[in-house]
C-alpha atoms as a PDB file:
ATOM      1  CA  MET A   1       4.839 132.243 104.757  1.00  0.00           C
ATOM      2  CA  ALA A   2       7.474 130.936 102.327  1.00  0.00           C
ATOM      3  CA  ARG A   3       9.881 133.642 101.227  1.00  0.00           C
ATOM      4  CA  THR A   4      12.296 133.809  98.326  1.00  0.00           C
ATOM      5  CA  TYR A   5      15.608 135.236  99.517  1.00  0.00           C
ATOM      6  CA  LEU A   6      18.064 137.087  97.318  1.00  0.00           C
ATOM      7  CA  ASP A   7      21.747 136.282  97.892  1.00  0.00           C
ATOM      8  CA  PHE A   8      22.399 139.299 100.084  1.00  0.00           C
ATOM      9  CA  GLU A   9      19.203 138.597 102.080  1.00  0.00           C
ATOM     10  CA  ARG A  10      20.347 135.121 103.176  1.00  0.00           C
ATOM     11  CA  PRO A  11      21.289 136.294 106.711  1.00  0.00           C
ATOM     12  CA  MET A  12      17.570 137.010 107.265  1.00  0.00           C
ATOM     13  CA  ALA A  13      16.418 133.426 106.674  1.00  0.00           C
ATOM     14  CA  GLU A  14      17.274 132.074 110.122  1.00  0.00           C
ATOM     15  CA  LEU A  15      15.783 135.059 111.939  1.00  0.00           C
ATOM     16  CA  ASP A  16      12.578 134.845 109.901  1.00  0.00           C
ATOM     17  CA  SER A  17      12.328 131.153 110.774  1.00  0.00           C
ATOM     18  CA  GLN A  18      12.627 132.000 114.461  1.00  0.00           C
ATOM     19  CA  ILE A  19       9.850 134.595 114.155  1.00  0.00           C
ATOM     20  CA  GLU A  20       7.537 132.125 112.387  1.00  0.00           C
ATOM     21  CA  ALA A  21       8.232 129.416 114.967  1.00  0.00           C
ATOM     22  CA  ALA A  22       7.611 131.780 117.879  1.00  0.00           C
ATOM     23  CA  GLN A  23       4.416 133.022 116.241  1.00  0.00           C
ATOM     24  CA  ALA A  24       3.161 129.454 115.778  1.00  0.00           C
ATOM     25  CA  GLU A  25       3.763 128.783 119.478  1.00  0.00           C
ATOM     26  CA  GLY A  26       1.909 131.944 120.495  1.00  0.00           C
ATOM     27  CA  LYS A  27       5.022 133.628 121.896  1.00  0.00           C
ATOM     28  CA  ASP A  28       5.700 137.371 121.904  1.00  0.00           C
ATOM     29  CA  ILE A  29       7.634 138.218 118.731  1.00  0.00           C
ATOM     30  CA  ALA A  30       8.062 141.981 119.259  1.00  0.00           C
ATOM     31  CA  GLU A  31      11.745 141.696 120.183  1.00  0.00           C
ATOM     32  CA  LEU A  32      12.521 139.393 117.257  1.00  0.00           C
ATOM     33  CA  GLU A  33      10.662 141.664 114.818  1.00  0.00           C
ATOM     34  CA  ALA A  34      12.581 144.687 116.071  1.00  0.00           C
ATOM     35  CA  LYS A  35      15.842 142.780 115.565  1.00  0.00           C
ATOM     36  CA  SER A  36      14.712 141.754 112.093  1.00  0.00           C
ATOM     37  CA  LYS A  37      13.961 145.349 111.130  1.00  0.00           C
ATOM     38  CA  VAL A  38      17.382 146.529 112.291  1.00  0.00           C
ATOM     39  CA  GLN A  39      19.131 143.733 110.377  1.00  0.00           C
ATOM     40  CA  LEU A  40      17.110 144.386 107.222  1.00  0.00           C
ATOM     41  CA  LYS A  41      17.819 148.097 107.392  1.00  0.00           C
ATOM     42  CA  SER A  42      21.530 147.364 107.746  1.00  0.00           C
ATOM     43  CA  LEU A  43      21.537 144.975 104.783  1.00  0.00           C
ATOM     44  CA  TYR A  44      19.632 147.316 102.475  1.00  0.00           C
ATOM     45  CA  ALA A  45      21.791 150.309 103.405  1.00  0.00           C
ATOM     46  CA  LYS A  46      24.743 148.587 101.718  1.00  0.00           C
ATOM     47  CA  ILE A  47      23.240 147.336  98.463  1.00  0.00           C
ATOM     48  CA  GLY A  48      24.501 148.650  95.139  1.00  0.00           C
ATOM     49  CA  PRO A  49      23.024 148.846  91.617  1.00  0.00           C
ATOM     50  CA  TRP A  50      23.425 145.119  90.883  1.00  0.00           C
ATOM     51  CA  GLN A  51      21.670 144.100  94.109  1.00  0.00           C
ATOM     52  CA  LYS A  52      18.933 146.655  93.387  1.00  0.00           C
ATOM     53  CA  THR A  53      18.494 145.041  89.982  1.00  0.00           C
ATOM     54  CA  HIS A  54      17.671 141.756  91.685  1.00  0.00           C
ATOM     55  CA  VAL A  55      15.328 143.483  94.141  1.00  0.00           C
ATOM     56  CA  ALA A  56      13.519 145.204  91.236  1.00  0.00           C
ATOM     57  CA  ARG A  57      13.015 141.804  89.597  1.00  0.00           C
ATOM     58  CA  HIS A  58      11.958 139.969  92.751  1.00  0.00           C
ATOM     59  CA  GLN A  59       9.080 137.593  92.009  1.00  0.00           C
ATOM     60  CA  ASP A  60       7.082 138.743  95.049  1.00  0.00           C
ATOM     61  CA  ARG A  61       7.210 142.418  94.137  1.00  0.00           C
ATOM     62  CA  PRO A  62       3.674 143.694  93.408  1.00  0.00           C
ATOM     63  CA  HIS A  63       2.801 144.028  89.730  1.00  0.00           C
ATOM     64  CA  THR A  64       0.206 146.133  87.895  1.00  0.00           C
ATOM     65  CA  SER A  65      -2.687 143.746  88.616  1.00  0.00           C
ATOM     66  CA  ALA A  66      -1.910 143.983  92.341  1.00  0.00           C
ATOM     67  CA  TYR A  67      -1.751 147.790  92.248  1.00  0.00           C
ATOM     68  CA  ILE A  68      -5.064 147.949  90.406  1.00  0.00           C
ATOM     69  CA  LYS A  69      -6.689 145.622  92.934  1.00  0.00           C
ATOM     70  CA  ALA A  70      -5.295 147.588  95.885  1.00  0.00           C
ATOM     71  CA  LEU A  71      -5.774 151.147  94.641  1.00  0.00           C
ATOM     72  CA  ILE A  72      -8.416 151.236  91.903  1.00  0.00           C
ATOM     73  CA  SER A  73     -12.111 150.761  92.660  1.00  0.00           C
ATOM     74  CA  ASP A  74     -14.853 150.106  90.075  1.00  0.00           C
ATOM     75  CA  TYR A  75     -12.174 148.916  87.675  1.00  0.00           C
ATOM     76  CA  THR A  76     -13.359 148.045  84.157  1.00  0.00           C
ATOM     77  CA  PRO A  77     -10.647 146.446  82.007  1.00  0.00           C
ATOM     78  CA  LEU A  78     -10.497 147.351  78.339  1.00  0.00           C
ATOM     79  CA  ALA A  79      -9.025 144.965  75.785  1.00  0.00           C
ATOM     80  CA  GLY A  80      -7.606 145.184  72.286  1.00  0.00           C
ATOM     81  CA  ASP A  81      -6.041 147.811  70.067  1.00  0.00           C
ATOM     82  CA  ARG A  82      -8.850 147.729  67.456  1.00  0.00           C
ATOM     83  CA  LYS A  83      -6.237 146.797  64.844  1.00  0.00           C
ATOM     84  CA  PHE A  84      -4.841 143.334  65.589  1.00  0.00           C
ATOM     85  CA  GLY A  85      -5.819 141.912  68.963  1.00  0.00           C
ATOM     86  CA  ASP A  86      -5.342 142.091  72.704  1.00  0.00           C
ATOM     87  CA  ASP A  87      -1.999 141.954  74.490  1.00  0.00           C
ATOM     88  CA  HIS A  88      -2.078 140.522  78.010  1.00  0.00           C
ATOM     89  CA  ALA A  89       1.385 141.925  78.762  1.00  0.00           C
ATOM     90  CA  LEU A  90      -0.107 145.409  79.034  1.00  0.00           C
ATOM     91  CA  LEU A  91      -3.254 145.807  81.121  1.00  0.00           C
ATOM     92  CA  GLY A  92      -5.495 148.860  81.154  1.00  0.00           C
ATOM     93  CA  GLY A  93      -8.931 150.224  81.781  1.00  0.00           C
ATOM     94  CA  LEU A  94     -11.128 152.663  83.654  1.00  0.00           C
ATOM     95  CA  GLY A  95     -11.545 153.011  87.402  1.00  0.00           C
ATOM     96  CA  LYS A  96     -11.453 155.301  90.383  1.00  0.00           C
ATOM     97  CA  ILE A  97      -8.739 156.158  92.854  1.00  0.00           C
ATOM     98  CA  ARG A  98     -10.246 157.498  96.070  1.00  0.00           C
ATOM     99  CA  GLY A  99     -13.413 158.377  94.153  1.00  0.00           C
ATOM    100  CA  ARG A 100     -11.620 160.129  91.299  1.00  0.00           C
ATOM    101  CA  SER A 101     -12.119 158.639  87.825  1.00  0.00           C
ATOM    102  CA  VAL A 102      -8.897 157.737  86.007  1.00  0.00           C
ATOM    103  CA  VAL A 103      -7.512 155.695  83.147  1.00  0.00           C
ATOM    104  CA  VAL A 104      -4.948 153.191  84.404  1.00  0.00           C
ATOM    105  CA  MET A 105      -2.513 150.966  82.510  1.00  0.00           C
ATOM    106  CA  GLY A 106       0.674 149.044  83.092  1.00  0.00           C
ATOM    107  CA  HIS A 107       2.860 146.049  82.371  1.00  0.00           C
ATOM    108  CA  GLU A 108       1.938 142.739  83.988  1.00  0.00           C
ATOM    109  CA  LYS A 109       4.656 140.096  84.487  1.00  0.00           C
ATOM    110  CA  GLY A 110       2.528 137.423  86.157  1.00  0.00           C
ATOM    111  CA  THR A 111       3.069 135.634  89.452  1.00  0.00           C
ATOM    112  CA  ASP A 112       3.500 131.957  88.527  1.00  0.00           C
ATOM    113  CA  THR A 113       4.394 129.897  85.466  1.00  0.00           C
ATOM    114  CA  GLU A 114       0.881 129.972  84.010  1.00  0.00           C
ATOM    115  CA  THR A 115       0.337 133.721  84.401  1.00  0.00           C
ATOM    116  CA  ARG A 116       3.887 134.601  83.351  1.00  0.00           C
ATOM    117  CA  LEU A 117       3.340 132.781  80.083  1.00  0.00           C
ATOM    118  CA  LYS A 118      -0.086 134.379  79.655  1.00  0.00           C
ATOM    119  CA  HIS A 119       1.345 137.879  80.189  1.00  0.00           C
ATOM    120  CA  ASN A 120       4.545 137.141  78.251  1.00  0.00           C
ATOM    121  CA  PHE A 121       6.641 138.118  81.297  1.00  0.00           C
ATOM    122  CA  GLY A 122       5.482 141.735  80.912  1.00  0.00           C
ATOM    123  CA  MET A 123       7.045 142.168  77.460  1.00  0.00           C
ATOM    124  CA  ALA A 124       4.427 143.832  75.293  1.00  0.00           C
ATOM    125  CA  ASN A 125       3.869 143.400  71.562  1.00  0.00           C
ATOM    126  CA  PRO A 126       2.930 146.283  69.239  1.00  0.00           C
ATOM    127  CA  GLU A 127      -0.762 145.729  69.949  1.00  0.00           C
ATOM    128  CA  GLY A 128      -0.025 146.377  73.634  1.00  0.00           C
ATOM    129  CA  TYR A 129       1.398 149.821  72.893  1.00  0.00           C
ATOM    130  CA  ARG A 130      -1.401 150.545  70.433  1.00  0.00           C
ATOM    131  CA  LYS A 131      -3.802 149.658  73.232  1.00  0.00           C
ATOM    132  CA  ALA A 132      -1.942 152.183  75.409  1.00  0.00           C
ATOM    133  CA  VAL A 133      -2.475 154.857  72.739  1.00  0.00           C
ATOM    134  CA  ARG A 134      -6.156 153.941  72.584  1.00  0.00           C
ATOM    135  CA  LEU A 135      -6.422 154.326  76.369  1.00  0.00           C
ATOM    136  CA  MET A 136      -4.679 157.714  76.271  1.00  0.00           C
ATOM    137  CA  ASP A 137      -7.036 158.876  73.504  1.00  0.00           C
ATOM    138  CA  LEU A 138      -9.963 157.799  75.678  1.00  0.00           C
ATOM    139  CA  ALA A 139      -8.560 159.629  78.698  1.00  0.00           C
ATOM    140  CA  GLU A 140      -8.191 162.860  76.749  1.00  0.00           C
ATOM    141  CA  ARG A 141     -11.668 162.537  75.235  1.00  0.00           C
ATOM    142  CA  PHE A 142     -13.275 162.315  78.682  1.00  0.00           C
ATOM    143  CA  SER A 143     -10.777 164.559  80.529  1.00  0.00           C
ATOM    144  CA  LEU A 144      -9.499 161.778  82.794  1.00  0.00           C
ATOM    145  CA  PRO A 145      -5.990 161.628  84.310  1.00  0.00           C
ATOM    146  CA  VAL A 146      -3.752 158.739  83.247  1.00  0.00           C
ATOM    147  CA  ILE A 147      -1.807 156.560  85.681  1.00  0.00           C
ATOM    148  CA  SER A 148       0.736 154.048  84.381  1.00  0.00           C
ATOM    149  CA  PHE A 149       2.693 151.343  86.203  1.00  0.00           C
ATOM    150  CA  VAL A 150       5.953 150.419  84.500  1.00  0.00           C
ATOM    151  CA  ASP A 151       7.500 146.996  85.091  1.00  0.00           C
ATOM    152  CA  THR A 152       9.071 145.334  82.062  1.00  0.00           C
ATOM    153  CA  ALA A 153      12.402 144.007  80.871  1.00  0.00           C
ATOM    154  CA  GLY A 154      11.536 145.667  77.550  1.00  0.00           C
ATOM    155  CA  ALA A 155       9.216 145.348  74.577  1.00  0.00           C
ATOM    156  CA  PHE A 156       8.963 141.832  73.127  1.00  0.00           C
ATOM    157  CA  PRO A 157      11.730 141.396  70.488  1.00  0.00           C
ATOM    158  CA  GLY A 158      10.168 138.490  68.574  1.00  0.00           C
ATOM    159  CA  ARG A 159       9.848 138.263  64.816  1.00  0.00           C
ATOM    160  CA  GLY A 160       6.069 138.700  64.858  1.00  0.00           C
ATOM    161  CA  ALA A 161       6.377 141.855  66.940  1.00  0.00           C
ATOM    162  CA  GLU A 162       8.871 143.326  64.481  1.00  0.00           C
ATOM    163  CA  GLU A 163       6.694 142.379  61.520  1.00  0.00           C
ATOM    164  CA  ARG A 164       3.729 144.162  63.108  1.00  0.00           C
ATOM    165  CA  GLY A 165       5.715 147.366  63.674  1.00  0.00           C
ATOM    166  CA  GLN A 166       7.119 147.241  67.198  1.00  0.00           C
ATOM    167  CA  ALA A 167       9.328 150.327  66.865  1.00  0.00           C
ATOM    168  CA  GLU A 168       6.560 152.368  65.258  1.00  0.00           C
ATOM    169  CA  ALA A 169       4.058 151.378  67.947  1.00  0.00           C
ATOM    170  CA  ILE A 170       6.470 152.380  70.728  1.00  0.00           C
ATOM    171  CA  ALA A 171       7.247 155.690  69.019  1.00  0.00           C
ATOM    172  CA  ARG A 172       3.557 156.521  68.650  1.00  0.00           C
ATOM    173  CA  SER A 173       2.905 155.669  72.292  1.00  0.00           C
ATOM    174  CA  ILE A 174       5.778 157.937  73.395  1.00  0.00           C
ATOM    175  CA  ASP A 175       4.498 160.744  71.182  1.00  0.00           C
ATOM    176  CA  ARG A 176       0.929 160.323  72.471  1.00  0.00           C
ATOM    177  CA  GLY A 177       2.124 160.594  76.033  1.00  0.00           C
ATOM    178  CA  LEU A 178       3.991 163.808  75.256  1.00  0.00           C
ATOM    179  CA  SER A 179       0.944 165.372  73.581  1.00  0.00           C
ATOM    180  CA  LEU A 180      -1.629 164.228  76.163  1.00  0.00           C
ATOM    181  CA  LYS A 181      -3.815 167.116  77.369  1.00  0.00           C
ATOM    182  CA  VAL A 182      -4.683 165.574  80.727  1.00  0.00           C
ATOM    183  CA  PRO A 183      -2.503 164.888  83.801  1.00  0.00           C
ATOM    184  CA  PHE A 184      -0.250 161.864  83.342  1.00  0.00           C
ATOM    185  CA  ILE A 185       1.555 160.110  86.194  1.00  0.00           C
ATOM    186  CA  SER A 186       3.898 157.166  85.768  1.00  0.00           C
ATOM    187  CA  VAL A 187       5.377 154.952  88.469  1.00  0.00           C
ATOM    188  CA  ILE A 188       8.283 152.583  87.780  1.00  0.00           C
ATOM    189  CA  THR A 189       7.423 149.837  90.223  1.00  0.00           C
ATOM    190  CA  GLY A 190      10.106 147.286  89.361  1.00  0.00           C
ATOM    191  CA  GLU A 191      12.127 147.042  86.186  1.00  0.00           C
ATOM    192  CA  GLY A 192      11.925 149.826  83.614  1.00  0.00           C
ATOM    193  CA  GLY A 193      13.599 148.436  80.534  1.00  0.00           C
ATOM    194  CA  SER A 194      14.316 150.235  77.266  1.00  0.00           C
ATOM    195  CA  GLY A 195      11.689 151.686  74.925  1.00  0.00           C
ATOM    196  CA  GLY A 196       9.147 149.235  76.252  1.00  0.00           C
ATOM    197  CA  ALA A 197       9.193 151.200  79.513  1.00  0.00           C
ATOM    198  CA  VAL A 198       9.475 154.707  78.054  1.00  0.00           C
ATOM    199  CA  ALA A 199       6.463 154.010  75.816  1.00  0.00           C
ATOM    200  CA  ILE A 200       4.103 154.479  78.785  1.00  0.00           C
ATOM    201  CA  ALA A 201       6.310 156.760  80.893  1.00  0.00           C
ATOM    202  CA  THR A 202       6.401 160.085  79.036  1.00  0.00           C
ATOM    203  CA  ALA A 203       4.459 161.588  81.911  1.00  0.00           C
ATOM    204  CA  ASP A 204       4.167 164.858  83.826  1.00  0.00           C
ATOM    205  CA  ARG A 205       5.519 163.063  86.883  1.00  0.00           C
ATOM    206  CA  VAL A 206       7.825 160.071  86.487  1.00  0.00           C
ATOM    207  CA  MET A 207       8.433 158.384  89.829  1.00  0.00           C
ATOM    208  CA  MET A 208      10.392 155.317  90.881  1.00  0.00           C
ATOM    209  CA  LEU A 209      10.135 153.059  93.868  1.00  0.00           C
ATOM    210  CA  GLU A 210      13.269 153.213  95.965  1.00  0.00           C
ATOM    211  CA  HIS A 211      14.721 149.909  94.756  1.00  0.00           C
ATOM    212  CA  SER A 212      13.477 149.959  91.162  1.00  0.00           C
ATOM    213  CA  ILE A 213      15.717 150.327  88.116  1.00  0.00           C
ATOM    214  CA  TYR A 214      15.296 152.221  84.838  1.00  0.00           C
ATOM    215  CA  SER A 215      17.659 151.804  81.891  1.00  0.00           C
ATOM    216  CA  VAL A 216      18.028 151.742  78.118  1.00  0.00           C
ATOM    217  CA  ILE A 217      19.262 148.129  78.258  1.00  0.00           C
ATOM    218  CA  SER A 218      19.632 145.473  80.928  1.00  0.00           C
ATOM    219  CA  PRO A 219      22.981 145.217  82.748  1.00  0.00           C
ATOM    220  CA  GLU A 220      23.403 141.738  81.224  1.00  0.00           C
ATOM    221  CA  GLY A 221      22.774 143.083  77.724  1.00  0.00           C
ATOM    222  CA  CYS A 222      25.147 145.978  78.242  1.00  0.00           C
ATOM    223  CA  ALA A 223      27.899 143.642  79.517  1.00  0.00           C
ATOM    224  CA  SER A 224      27.418 141.337  76.526  1.00  0.00           C
ATOM    225  CA  ILE A 225      27.944 144.267  74.145  1.00  0.00           C
ATOM    226  CA  LEU A 226      30.831 146.008  75.930  1.00  0.00           C
ATOM    227  CA  TRP A 227      32.787 143.043  77.292  1.00  0.00           C
ATOM    228  CA  ARG A 228      31.393 140.118  75.276  1.00  0.00           C
ATOM    229  CA  THR A 229      30.291 138.397  78.479  1.00  0.00           C
ATOM    230  CA  ARG A 230      27.299 138.596  80.802  1.00  0.00           C
ATOM    231  CA  ASP A 231      29.618 137.856  83.719  1.00  0.00           C
ATOM    232  CA  ARG A 232      30.373 141.563  84.003  1.00  0.00           C
ATOM    233  CA  ALA A 233      26.745 142.575  84.473  1.00  0.00           C
ATOM    234  CA  GLU A 234      27.536 143.948  87.935  1.00  0.00           C
ATOM    235  CA  ASP A 235      30.150 146.306  86.440  1.00  0.00           C
ATOM    236  CA  ALA A 236      27.634 147.378  83.811  1.00  0.00           C
ATOM    237  CA  ALA A 237      24.961 148.072  86.428  1.00  0.00           C
ATOM    238  CA  LYS A 238      27.355 150.382  88.297  1.00  0.00           C
ATOM    239  CA  ALA A 239      28.376 152.241  85.145  1.00  0.00           C
ATOM    240  CA  MET A 240      24.885 152.687  83.712  1.00  0.00           C
ATOM    241  CA  LYS A 241      23.389 154.738  86.582  1.00  0.00           C
ATOM    242  CA  ILE A 242      20.183 152.715  86.662  1.00  0.00           C
ATOM    243  CA  THR A 243      19.052 153.290  90.254  1.00  0.00           C
ATOM    244  CA  ALA A 244      16.336 155.683  91.378  1.00  0.00           C
ATOM    245  CA  GLN A 245      18.916 157.648  93.366  1.00  0.00           C
ATOM    246  CA  ASP A 246      21.182 158.204  90.342  1.00  0.00           C
ATOM    247  CA  LEU A 247      18.304 158.997  88.012  1.00  0.00           C
ATOM    248  CA  LYS A 248      16.796 161.545  90.398  1.00  0.00           C
ATOM    249  CA  ARG A 249      20.160 163.295  90.616  1.00  0.00           C
ATOM    250  CA  LEU A 250      20.457 163.285  86.811  1.00  0.00           C
ATOM    251  CA  GLY A 251      16.949 164.709  86.357  1.00  0.00           C
ATOM    252  CA  VAL A 252      15.550 161.674  84.538  1.00  0.00           C
ATOM    253  CA  ILE A 253      12.854 161.076  87.157  1.00  0.00           C
ATOM    254  CA  ASP A 254      10.963 163.477  89.392  1.00  0.00           C
ATOM    255  CA  ARG A 255      10.528 161.615  92.655  1.00  0.00           C
ATOM    256  CA  ILE A 256      11.636 158.554  94.614  1.00  0.00           C
ATOM    257  CA  ILE A 257       8.946 156.661  96.517  1.00  0.00           C
ATOM    258  CA  LYS A 258      10.271 155.108  99.713  1.00  0.00           C
ATOM    259  CA  GLU A 259       9.754 151.362 100.119  1.00  0.00           C
ATOM    260  CA  PRO A 260       9.160 149.434 103.355  1.00  0.00           C
ATOM    261  CA  VAL A 261      12.304 148.183 105.093  1.00  0.00           C
ATOM    262  CA  GLY A 262      13.390 145.127 103.123  1.00  0.00           C
ATOM    263  CA  GLY A 263      11.745 146.209  99.860  1.00  0.00           C
ATOM    264  CA  ALA A 264       8.254 146.196  98.372  1.00  0.00           C
ATOM    265  CA  HIS A 265       8.365 142.403  98.008  1.00  0.00           C
ATOM    266  CA  ARG A 266       8.532 142.017 101.788  1.00  0.00           C
ATOM    267  CA  GLU A 267       5.594 144.299 102.624  1.00  0.00           C
ATOM    268  CA  PRO A 268       3.601 144.677  99.371  1.00  0.00           C
ATOM    269  CA  ASP A 269       0.429 146.051 100.980  1.00  0.00           C
ATOM    270  CA  GLN A 270       2.346 148.812 102.716  1.00  0.00           C
ATOM    271  CA  ALA A 271       4.287 149.609  99.535  1.00  0.00           C
ATOM    272  CA  MET A 272       1.130 149.886  97.423  1.00  0.00           C
ATOM    273  CA  LYS A 273      -0.558 152.076 100.017  1.00  0.00           C
ATOM    274  CA  THR A 274       2.400 154.473  99.909  1.00  0.00           C
ATOM    275  CA  VAL A 275       2.329 154.551  96.104  1.00  0.00           C
ATOM    276  CA  GLY A 276      -1.390 155.364  96.146  1.00  0.00           C
ATOM    277  CA  ALA A 277      -0.892 158.275  98.543  1.00  0.00           C
ATOM    278  CA  VAL A 278       1.905 159.726  96.410  1.00  0.00           C
ATOM    279  CA  ILE A 279      -0.144 159.418  93.203  1.00  0.00           C
ATOM    280  CA  LEU A 280      -3.037 161.316  94.798  1.00  0.00           C
ATOM    281  CA  LYS A 281      -0.670 164.042  96.011  1.00  0.00           C
ATOM    282  CA  GLU A 282       0.867 164.468  92.557  1.00  0.00           C
ATOM    283  CA  LEU A 283      -2.541 164.514  90.856  1.00  0.00           C
ATOM    284  CA  LYS A 284      -3.647 167.292  93.190  1.00  0.00           C
ATOM    285  CA  GLU A 285      -0.572 169.347  92.289  1.00  0.00           C
ATOM    286  CA  LEU A 286      -1.298 168.966  88.558  1.00  0.00           C
ATOM    287  CA  ASP A 287      -4.959 169.939  88.861  1.00  0.00           C
ATOM    288  CA  GLY A 288      -4.288 173.665  88.575  1.00  0.00           C
ATOM    289  CA  LEU A 289      -2.568 173.417  85.183  1.00  0.00           C
ATOM    290  CA  SER A 290      -4.363 173.932  81.869  1.00  0.00           C
ATOM    291  CA  SER A 291      -4.037 171.475  78.989  1.00  0.00           C
ATOM    292  CA  ASP A 292      -1.552 173.730  77.185  1.00  0.00           C
ATOM    293  CA  GLU A 293       0.500 174.176  80.352  1.00  0.00           C
ATOM    294  CA  LEU A 294       0.620 170.429  80.924  1.00  0.00           C
ATOM    295  CA  VAL A 295       1.831 169.686  77.393  1.00  0.00           C
ATOM    296  CA  LYS A 296       4.410 172.487  77.402  1.00  0.00           C
ATOM    297  CA  ALA A 297       5.851 171.587  80.800  1.00  0.00           C
ATOM    298  CA  ARG A 298       5.965 167.881  79.942  1.00  0.00           C
ATOM    299  CA  ARG A 299       7.795 168.423  76.673  1.00  0.00           C
ATOM    300  CA  GLU A 300      10.284 170.805  78.277  1.00  0.00           C
ATOM    301  CA  LYS A 301      10.890 168.306  81.061  1.00  0.00           C
ATOM    302  CA  PHE A 302      11.932 165.596  78.625  1.00  0.00           C
ATOM    303  CA  LEU A 303      14.013 167.969  76.518  1.00  0.00           C
ATOM    304  CA  ARG A 304      16.030 168.858  79.636  1.00  0.00           C
ATOM    305  CA  ILE A 305      17.090 165.246  80.159  1.00  0.00           C
ATOM    306  CA  GLY A 306      20.724 164.749  79.158  1.00  0.00           C
ATOM    307  CA  ARG A 307      21.818 168.359  79.450  1.00  0.00           C
ATOM    308  CA  THR A 308      25.102 168.880  81.280  1.00  0.00           C
ATOM    309  CA  LEU A 309      24.692 169.242  85.019  1.00  0.00           C
ATOM    310  CA  ASN A 310      26.024 172.391  86.660  1.00  0.00           C
END
């Protein structure tokens, strides 16, 4: 299988080639695989925020469509915001997770040139966030939990999006999430960028995969503003505290979901299975709360963000 290696993963290329060659010849690859796992673990133990940024953006990392296919049965997609049109950057619909009916939504980046263009690289327009509000309204009407998968560089900043009320649509989606009277779980699966990410992440439980990132602006954007050059993006990534580990410590997220050794892009099936198990566990913990308790706890959770740590 052809792999795309990040710069710090280059030492793995030769070993992976040896494993593939041995496998093709019918040889025992247990020893090579064990060596590969040790080397991967060593490499990933050293990566910092800038390397994690590249892992979060890896093209082979599973996106919302993959999570829906792997975790959601009887899925029925719903399209359109009933005001302007449909936005392929934000998918959503009805389905079941382990037999339990849910509303699911999330950003879709696409997997090749054709699908990336179709889904606008996961950058939603206002109609995408109005579709999210419509889905949340539907979930509340039928007392269904909401699951969202966040993976976007940010909301689309084009002229048409601004003319159709991008900021207002994001604000309404954030507000709807905060007022939702059913359980709401959000998983940042890759890149959580700016208001485009927060719009579908004002949840009871906000979780991040181990090597995902979550920030108000991209490291490149931050560097361009602070130092007038994108060349200092690595410095910006360190300063911004964008990793799951930093954000858990700061109280911005509730839980870190461990990824397979080498990242979710290396073992996507295993990563998605883990995410599904964690979602079910969190849903079970929220089941005992009333609608009023859910709303109150959720609002208080977000109001606590940014308070000085003891």
